[in-house]
Amino acid sequence: MTDATLPDLDHAVFIRRSIELAAASRAAGNHPFAALLVGPDGEVLMEQFNTFGEKGDSTGHAERILMTRASVTYPVEFLRGCTMYTSAEPCAMCAGSVYWAGVGRVVHGISEHDLKEMIGPNPENLTMDLPCRTIFAAGQRRVEVIGPLLS
């Protein structure tokens, strides 16, 4: 399996959009996290925010839901050339979903470590200090990681 050539994209534009979506997620009563999938041509294909508040699903992370949607919508060959932008570094669960969906690149705003420091031991959002790079490095295919862009 070869790695797709990933396009040059304006990461700042898409990270800003993920922050806007995170604010909308919070306004809707959810945790303030969001993600978007950008295709090889720079088109936003999908947007998703966290659904914990509205559905009570502790696995309702924006990145995981987005990857589920993407994996049933697009072939893995296409997803290899796509980028997921997210307001915060994907947790272990979300990084796994990125890996298995086949997305080629992740760009994130703040690190998982910084998130853990900010929120502390919040029982609704227990955070691991486990970088997504560590998770991807254990896999059999490359996932490019850019970030944290906002730390």
N, C-alpha and C. Protein backbone atom coordinates (compact mmCIF):
# COMPACT_ATOMS: atom_id res chain seq x y z
N MET A 1 0.85 -1.18 0.00
CA MET A 1 0.00 0.00 0.00
C MET A 1 0.90 1.24 0.00
N THR A 2 0.68 2.14 -0.91
CA THR A 2 1.47 3.35 -0.99
C THR A 2 0.71 4.50 -0.37
N ASP A 3 1.49 5.45 0.15
CA ASP A 3 0.87 6.65 0.72
C ASP A 3 0.44 7.57 -0.41
N ALA A 4 -0.71 8.18 -0.23
CA ALA A 4 -1.18 9.17 -1.21
C ALA A 4 -0.35 10.44 -1.06
N THR A 5 -0.20 11.16 -2.15
CA THR A 5 0.42 12.47 -2.08
C THR A 5 -0.63 13.43 -1.56
N LEU A 6 -0.33 14.04 -0.44
CA LEU A 6 -1.31 14.93 0.19
C LEU A 6 -1.13 16.35 -0.34
N PRO A 7 -2.23 17.04 -0.57
CA PRO A 7 -2.17 18.38 -1.15
C PRO A 7 -1.69 19.42 -0.16
N ASP A 8 -1.16 20.52 -0.69
CA ASP A 8 -0.85 21.68 0.14
C ASP A 8 -2.16 22.42 0.37
N LEU A 9 -2.50 22.62 1.65
CA LEU A 9 -3.74 23.30 2.01
C LEU A 9 -3.43 24.43 2.98
N ASP A 10 -4.31 25.39 3.06
CA ASP A 10 -4.17 26.50 4.02
C ASP A 10 -4.72 26.03 5.36
N HIS A 11 -3.85 25.46 6.18
CA HIS A 11 -4.27 24.87 7.44
C HIS A 11 -4.98 25.87 8.36
N ALA A 12 -4.54 27.12 8.35
CA ALA A 12 -5.14 28.12 9.25
C ALA A 12 -6.63 28.31 8.96
N VAL A 13 -7.01 28.32 7.69
CA VAL A 13 -8.42 28.50 7.32
C VAL A 13 -9.27 27.38 7.90
N PHE A 14 -8.81 26.15 7.77
CA PHE A 14 -9.60 25.01 8.21
C PHE A 14 -9.58 24.85 9.73
N ILE A 15 -8.47 25.19 10.36
CA ILE A 15 -8.44 25.16 11.84
C ILE A 15 -9.40 26.20 12.39
N ARG A 16 -9.43 27.38 11.77
CA ARG A 16 -10.40 28.41 12.22
C ARG A 16 -11.83 27.88 12.09
N ARG A 17 -12.11 27.19 11.01
CA ARG A 17 -13.45 26.63 10.84
C ARG A 17 -13.74 25.59 11.93
N SER A 18 -12.76 24.78 12.28
CA SER A 18 -12.99 23.79 13.34
C SER A 18 -13.27 24.47 14.68
N ILE A 19 -12.65 25.62 14.92
CA ILE A 19 -12.91 26.38 16.15
C ILE A 19 -14.32 26.97 16.11
N GLU A 20 -14.74 27.48 14.96
CA GLU A 20 -16.12 27.99 14.82
C GLU A 20 -17.13 26.88 15.09
N LEU A 21 -16.87 25.70 14.54
CA LEU A 21 -17.77 24.56 14.77
C LEU A 21 -17.77 24.13 16.23
N ALA A 22 -16.60 24.19 16.87
CA ALA A 22 -16.52 23.84 18.29
C ALA A 22 -17.37 24.80 19.13
N ALA A 23 -17.35 26.07 18.78
CA ALA A 23 -18.19 27.05 19.48
C ALA A 23 -19.67 26.74 19.26
N ALA A 24 -20.03 26.35 18.04
CA ALA A 24 -21.42 25.97 17.76
C ALA A 24 -21.81 24.71 18.53
N SER A 25 -20.87 23.80 18.67
CA SER A 25 -21.12 22.58 19.44
C SER A 25 -21.44 22.94 20.89
N ARG A 26 -20.65 23.83 21.45
CA ARG A 26 -20.87 24.27 22.84
C ARG A 26 -22.22 24.97 22.97
N ALA A 27 -22.54 25.83 22.01
CA ALA A 27 -23.82 26.55 22.04
C ALA A 27 -25.01 25.59 21.97
N ALA A 28 -24.80 24.43 21.35
CA ALA A 28 -25.86 23.42 21.24
C ALA A 28 -25.92 22.50 22.46
N GLY A 29 -25.07 22.78 23.46
CA GLY A 29 -25.09 22.00 24.69
C GLY A 29 -24.15 20.81 24.71
N ASN A 30 -23.24 20.76 23.75
CA ASN A 30 -22.28 19.66 23.67
C ASN A 30 -20.91 20.13 24.15
N HIS A 31 -19.98 19.19 24.22
CA HIS A 31 -18.60 19.57 24.52
C HIS A 31 -18.06 20.38 23.34
N PRO A 32 -17.15 21.32 23.61
CA PRO A 32 -16.69 22.24 22.56
C PRO A 32 -15.59 21.66 21.67
N PHE A 33 -15.95 20.65 20.89
CA PHE A 33 -14.99 20.02 19.98
C PHE A 33 -15.66 19.84 18.63
N ALA A 34 -14.86 19.93 17.57
CA ALA A 34 -15.40 19.77 16.22
C ALA A 34 -14.29 19.31 15.28
N ALA A 35 -14.72 18.77 14.15
CA ALA A 35 -13.78 18.30 13.14
C ALA A 35 -14.40 18.46 11.76
N LEU A 36 -13.54 18.55 10.76
CA LEU A 36 -14.02 18.59 9.39
C LEU A 36 -13.10 17.79 8.50
N LEU A 37 -13.66 17.26 7.44
CA LEU A 37 -12.92 16.48 6.47
C LEU A 37 -12.78 17.31 5.21
N VAL A 38 -11.53 17.46 4.76
CA VAL A 38 -11.23 18.24 3.57
C VAL A 38 -10.65 17.31 2.51
N GLY A 39 -11.20 17.40 1.31
CA GLY A 39 -10.76 16.55 0.22
C GLY A 39 -9.45 17.00 -0.39
N PRO A 40 -8.91 16.20 -1.29
CA PRO A 40 -7.64 16.51 -1.93
C PRO A 40 -7.63 17.84 -2.68
N ASP A 41 -8.81 18.30 -3.11
CA ASP A 41 -8.90 19.56 -3.85
C ASP A 41 -9.16 20.76 -2.94
N GLY A 42 -9.18 20.55 -1.62
CA GLY A 42 -9.40 21.64 -0.68
C GLY A 42 -10.86 21.91 -0.37
N GLU A 43 -11.76 21.08 -0.89
CA GLU A 43 -13.19 21.25 -0.62
C GLU A 43 -13.55 20.61 0.72
N VAL A 44 -14.33 21.34 1.53
CA VAL A 44 -14.83 20.76 2.77
C VAL A 44 -15.91 19.74 2.41
N LEU A 45 -15.66 18.49 2.76
CA LEU A 45 -16.57 17.40 2.42
C LEU A 45 -17.61 17.14 3.51
N MET A 46 -17.18 17.26 4.76
CA MET A 46 -18.06 16.99 5.90
C MET A 46 -17.61 17.81 7.09
N GLU A 47 -18.57 18.16 7.94
CA GLU A 47 -18.28 18.82 9.21
C GLU A 47 -19.03 18.08 10.31
N GLN A 48 -18.45 18.07 11.50
CA GLN A 48 -19.08 17.36 12.59
C GLN A 48 -18.68 17.99 13.92
N PHE A 49 -19.65 18.13 14.83
CA PHE A 49 -19.27 18.51 16.19
C PHE A 49 -19.62 17.41 17.15
N ASN A 50 -19.12 17.55 18.36
CA ASN A 50 -19.32 16.59 19.44
C ASN A 50 -20.81 16.46 19.73
N THR A 51 -21.27 15.27 20.08
CA THR A 51 -22.70 15.07 20.37
C THR A 51 -22.96 14.54 21.78
N PHE A 52 -22.00 14.65 22.66
CA PHE A 52 -22.18 14.11 24.02
C PHE A 52 -23.39 14.72 24.72
N GLY A 53 -23.52 16.04 24.69
CA GLY A 53 -24.60 16.71 25.40
C GLY A 53 -25.98 16.36 24.89
N GLU A 54 -26.15 16.36 23.58
CA GLU A 54 -27.48 16.12 23.01
C GLU A 54 -27.87 14.65 23.02
N LYS A 55 -26.90 13.75 22.97
CA LYS A 55 -27.23 12.32 22.89
C LYS A 55 -26.79 11.54 24.12
N GLY A 56 -25.93 12.12 24.96
CA GLY A 56 -25.44 11.41 26.13
C GLY A 56 -24.49 10.28 25.80
N ASP A 57 -23.94 10.28 24.60
CA ASP A 57 -23.03 9.23 24.15
C ASP A 57 -21.60 9.65 24.46
N SER A 58 -20.96 8.98 25.40
CA SER A 58 -19.59 9.35 25.77
C SER A 58 -18.60 9.05 24.65
N THR A 59 -19.01 8.29 23.63
CA THR A 59 -18.15 8.07 22.47
C THR A 59 -18.52 9.02 21.32
N GLY A 60 -19.37 9.99 21.59
CA GLY A 60 -19.84 10.92 20.57
C GLY A 60 -18.85 12.02 20.25
N HIS A 61 -17.58 11.66 20.13
CA HIS A 61 -16.55 12.63 19.79
C HIS A 61 -16.69 13.02 18.32
N ALA A 62 -16.43 14.27 18.03
CA ALA A 62 -16.59 14.78 16.67
C ALA A 62 -15.78 13.98 15.66
N GLU A 63 -14.53 13.68 16.01
CA GLU A 63 -13.64 12.99 15.07
C GLU A 63 -14.14 11.57 14.79
N ARG A 64 -14.57 10.87 15.82
CA ARG A 64 -15.04 9.50 15.64
C ARG A 64 -16.29 9.45 14.77
N ILE A 65 -17.23 10.34 15.05
CA ILE A 65 -18.46 10.38 14.25
C ILE A 65 -18.14 10.75 12.80
N LEU A 66 -17.26 11.73 12.62
CA LEU A 66 -16.87 12.15 11.27
C LEU A 66 -16.24 10.99 10.50
N MET A 67 -15.36 10.23 11.16
CA MET A 67 -14.71 9.11 10.48
C MET A 67 -15.69 8.00 10.15
N THR A 68 -16.68 7.76 10.99
CA THR A 68 -17.72 6.78 10.67
C THR A 68 -18.48 7.23 9.44
N ARG A 69 -18.87 8.49 9.41
CA ARG A 69 -19.60 9.02 8.25
C ARG A 69 -18.74 8.92 6.99
N ALA A 70 -17.46 9.31 7.11
CA ALA A 70 -16.57 9.31 5.95
C ALA A 70 -16.34 7.90 5.42
N SER A 71 -16.17 6.95 6.32
CA SER A 71 -15.84 5.59 5.88
C SER A 71 -17.00 4.89 5.17
N VAL A 72 -18.22 5.33 5.42
CA VAL A 72 -19.36 4.74 4.70
C VAL A 72 -19.76 5.56 3.47
N THR A 73 -19.11 6.70 3.29
CA THR A 73 -19.42 7.58 2.16
C THR A 73 -18.37 7.51 1.05
N TYR A 74 -17.09 7.40 1.43
CA TYR A 74 -15.99 7.47 0.46
C TYR A 74 -15.15 6.20 0.52
N PRO A 75 -14.57 5.81 -0.63
CA PRO A 75 -13.65 4.66 -0.61
C PRO A 75 -12.34 5.04 0.09
N VAL A 76 -11.70 4.04 0.67
CA VAL A 76 -10.46 4.28 1.40
C VAL A 76 -9.38 4.89 0.50
N GLU A 77 -9.37 4.53 -0.77
CA GLU A 77 -8.38 5.09 -1.69
C GLU A 77 -8.52 6.61 -1.78
N PHE A 78 -9.75 7.09 -1.75
CA PHE A 78 -10.00 8.53 -1.78
C PHE A 78 -9.61 9.17 -0.44
N LEU A 79 -9.98 8.52 0.66
CA LEU A 79 -9.71 9.08 1.99
C LEU A 79 -8.22 9.22 2.27
N ARG A 80 -7.40 8.41 1.64
CA ARG A 80 -5.94 8.54 1.84
C ARG A 80 -5.44 9.92 1.43
N GLY A 81 -6.12 10.58 0.51
CA GLY A 81 -5.73 11.91 0.06
C GLY A 81 -6.43 13.03 0.80
N CYS A 82 -7.20 12.69 1.82
CA CYS A 82 -7.98 13.68 2.58
C CYS A 82 -7.28 14.07 3.88
N THR A 83 -7.71 15.21 4.41
CA THR A 83 -7.18 15.73 5.67
C THR A 83 -8.34 15.96 6.63
N MET A 84 -8.15 15.51 7.87
CA MET A 84 -9.11 15.83 8.92
C MET A 84 -8.53 16.97 9.76
N TYR A 85 -9.31 18.03 9.91
CA TYR A 85 -8.94 19.15 10.78
C TYR A 85 -9.78 19.06 12.03
N THR A 86 -9.16 19.27 13.17
CA THR A 86 -9.87 19.16 14.43
C THR A 86 -9.36 20.19 15.42
N SER A 87 -10.27 20.69 16.23
CA SER A 87 -9.94 21.74 17.18
C SER A 87 -8.93 21.27 18.22
N ALA A 88 -8.98 20.00 18.60
CA ALA A 88 -8.05 19.43 19.58
C ALA A 88 -7.51 18.11 19.03
N GLU A 89 -6.34 17.74 19.47
CA GLU A 89 -5.72 16.50 19.03
C GLU A 89 -6.65 15.31 19.27
N PRO A 90 -6.77 14.42 18.30
CA PRO A 90 -7.64 13.26 18.48
C PRO A 90 -7.18 12.38 19.65
N CYS A 91 -8.14 11.94 20.45
CA CYS A 91 -7.86 11.01 21.54
C CYS A 91 -7.53 9.64 20.94
N ALA A 92 -7.25 8.68 21.80
CA ALA A 92 -6.90 7.33 21.33
C ALA A 92 -8.03 6.73 20.49
N MET A 93 -9.27 6.87 20.95
CA MET A 93 -10.42 6.32 20.22
C MET A 93 -10.54 6.97 18.84
N CYS A 94 -10.42 8.29 18.81
CA CYS A 94 -10.58 9.02 17.56
C CYS A 94 -9.42 8.77 16.61
N ALA A 95 -8.20 8.68 17.15
CA ALA A 95 -7.04 8.37 16.31
C ALA A 95 -7.21 7.00 15.67
N GLY A 96 -7.73 6.04 16.44
CA GLY A 96 -8.00 4.72 15.87
C GLY A 96 -9.00 4.79 14.73
N SER A 97 -10.02 5.62 14.89
CA SER A 97 -11.02 5.74 13.83
C SER A 97 -10.44 6.40 12.58
N VAL A 98 -9.54 7.36 12.75
CA VAL A 98 -8.85 7.97 11.61
C VAL A 98 -8.02 6.91 10.88
N TYR A 99 -7.29 6.14 11.67
CA TYR A 99 -6.43 5.10 11.10
C TYR A 99 -7.25 4.10 10.28
N TRP A 100 -8.32 3.57 10.88
CA TRP A 100 -9.09 2.54 10.19
C TRP A 100 -9.95 3.09 9.06
N ALA A 101 -10.33 4.34 9.13
CA ALA A 101 -11.07 4.94 8.01
C ALA A 101 -10.16 5.14 6.80
N GLY A 102 -8.87 5.35 7.06
CA GLY A 102 -7.91 5.49 5.97
C GLY A 102 -7.50 6.91 5.64
N VAL A 103 -7.91 7.89 6.45
CA VAL A 103 -7.56 9.29 6.19
C VAL A 103 -6.04 9.47 6.27
N GLY A 104 -5.50 10.27 5.35
CA GLY A 104 -4.06 10.40 5.23
C GLY A 104 -3.39 11.42 6.12
N ARG A 105 -4.15 12.41 6.59
CA ARG A 105 -3.51 13.48 7.38
C ARG A 105 -4.48 14.01 8.42
N VAL A 106 -3.91 14.36 9.58
CA VAL A 106 -4.65 15.01 10.67
C VAL A 106 -3.93 16.31 11.00
N VAL A 107 -4.71 17.39 11.09
CA VAL A 107 -4.18 18.69 11.53
C VAL A 107 -5.02 19.08 12.74
N HIS A 108 -4.34 19.38 13.86
CA HIS A 108 -5.10 19.70 15.07
C HIS A 108 -4.66 21.01 15.70
N GLY A 109 -5.60 21.60 16.44
CA GLY A 109 -5.37 22.89 17.08
C GLY A 109 -4.52 22.77 18.33
N ILE A 110 -5.07 22.19 19.40
CA ILE A 110 -4.32 22.05 20.65
C ILE A 110 -3.97 20.59 20.87
N SER A 111 -2.93 20.36 21.67
CA SER A 111 -2.49 18.99 21.94
C SER A 111 -3.36 18.34 23.01
N GLU A 112 -3.36 17.03 23.01
CA GLU A 112 -4.06 16.26 24.04
C GLU A 112 -3.48 16.59 25.41
N HIS A 113 -2.17 16.76 25.48
CA HIS A 113 -1.51 17.12 26.74
C HIS A 113 -2.02 18.46 27.26
N ASP A 114 -2.07 19.47 26.39
CA ASP A 114 -2.56 20.79 26.81
C ASP A 114 -4.03 20.74 27.20
N LEU A 115 -4.81 19.94 26.48
CA LEU A 115 -6.23 19.79 26.83
C LEU A 115 -6.36 19.21 28.23
N LYS A 116 -5.59 18.18 28.52
CA LYS A 116 -5.64 17.56 29.85
C LYS A 116 -5.26 18.57 30.93
N GLU A 117 -4.26 19.37 30.66
CA GLU A 117 -3.85 20.40 31.62
C GLU A 117 -4.95 21.44 31.83
N MET A 118 -5.66 21.80 30.76
CA MET A 118 -6.71 22.83 30.85
C MET A 118 -7.93 22.35 31.61
N ILE A 119 -8.39 21.14 31.32
CA ILE A 119 -9.66 20.71 31.90
C ILE A 119 -9.51 19.92 33.19
N GLY A 120 -8.32 19.42 33.47
CA GLY A 120 -8.12 18.65 34.69
C GLY A 120 -8.93 17.36 34.66
N PRO A 121 -9.21 16.80 35.84
CA PRO A 121 -9.92 15.52 35.91
C PRO A 121 -11.43 15.68 35.79
N ASN A 122 -11.88 16.15 34.65
CA ASN A 122 -13.31 16.36 34.41
C ASN A 122 -13.97 15.00 34.16
N PRO A 123 -14.91 14.58 35.01
CA PRO A 123 -15.51 13.24 34.84
C PRO A 123 -16.28 13.07 33.53
N GLU A 124 -16.71 14.15 32.91
CA GLU A 124 -17.41 14.04 31.62
C GLU A 124 -16.45 13.99 30.44
N ASN A 125 -15.19 14.30 30.67
CA ASN A 125 -14.23 14.32 29.57
C ASN A 125 -12.87 13.90 30.09
N LEU A 126 -12.76 12.67 30.55
CA LEU A 126 -11.48 12.17 31.03
C LEU A 126 -10.52 12.10 29.84
N THR A 127 -9.39 12.75 29.98
CA THR A 127 -8.45 12.90 28.88
C THR A 127 -7.19 12.11 29.14
N MET A 128 -6.71 11.43 28.13
CA MET A 128 -5.44 10.71 28.22
C MET A 128 -4.33 11.61 27.68
N ASP A 129 -3.17 11.50 28.25
CA ASP A 129 -2.01 12.20 27.71
C ASP A 129 -1.30 11.22 26.77
N LEU A 130 -1.96 10.95 25.64
CA LEU A 130 -1.48 9.96 24.69
C LEU A 130 -1.56 10.57 23.29
N PRO A 131 -0.44 11.07 22.78
CA PRO A 131 -0.47 11.74 21.48
C PRO A 131 -0.93 10.81 20.35
N CYS A 132 -1.66 11.39 19.41
CA CYS A 132 -2.13 10.58 18.28
C CYS A 132 -0.96 10.06 17.45
N ARG A 133 0.17 10.76 17.46
CA ARG A 133 1.34 10.28 16.73
C ARG A 133 1.78 8.91 17.26
N THR A 134 1.68 8.72 18.57
CA THR A 134 2.05 7.45 19.18
C THR A 134 1.14 6.34 18.68
N ILE A 135 -0.14 6.63 18.59
CA ILE A 135 -1.11 5.63 18.11
C ILE A 135 -0.84 5.30 16.65
N PHE A 136 -0.66 6.33 15.83
CA PHE A 136 -0.42 6.10 14.40
C PHE A 136 0.89 5.35 14.17
N ALA A 137 1.91 5.64 14.97
CA ALA A 137 3.21 4.98 14.81
C ALA A 137 3.13 3.47 15.05
N ALA A 138 2.12 3.02 15.78
CA ALA A 138 1.95 1.59 16.04
C ALA A 138 1.25 0.88 14.89
N GLY A 139 0.81 1.63 13.90
CA GLY A 139 0.06 1.05 12.79
C GLY A 139 0.95 0.60 11.65
N GLN A 140 0.29 0.16 10.59
CA GLN A 140 0.99 -0.36 9.42
C GLN A 140 0.91 0.57 8.22
N ARG A 141 0.37 1.75 8.43
CA ARG A 141 0.36 2.74 7.36
C ARG A 141 0.62 4.10 7.98
N ARG A 142 1.11 4.99 7.16
CA ARG A 142 1.48 6.32 7.63
C ARG A 142 0.25 7.22 7.68
N VAL A 143 0.13 7.98 8.77
CA VAL A 143 -0.83 9.07 8.87
C VAL A 143 -0.01 10.30 9.25
N GLU A 144 -0.01 11.29 8.38
CA GLU A 144 0.72 12.53 8.66
C GLU A 144 -0.03 13.32 9.73
N VAL A 145 0.72 13.86 10.69
CA VAL A 145 0.13 14.69 11.74
C VAL A 145 0.80 16.05 11.72
N ILE A 146 -0.01 17.10 11.70
CA ILE A 146 0.48 18.47 11.79
C ILE A 146 -0.21 19.10 12.99
N GLY A 147 0.56 19.62 13.88
CA GLY A 147 0.01 20.26 15.06
C GLY A 147 0.81 19.89 16.29
N PRO A 148 0.52 20.55 17.35
CA PRO A 148 -0.58 21.50 17.55
C PRO A 148 -0.28 22.85 16.91
N LEU A 149 -1.27 23.41 16.26
CA LEU A 149 -1.11 24.72 15.63
C LEU A 149 -1.44 25.86 16.59
N LEU A 150 -2.12 25.58 17.69
CA LEU A 150 -2.58 26.65 18.58
C LEU A 150 -1.93 26.62 19.96
N SER A 151 -0.88 25.86 20.16
CA SER A 151 -0.23 25.81 21.47
C SER A 151 0.89 26.82 21.57
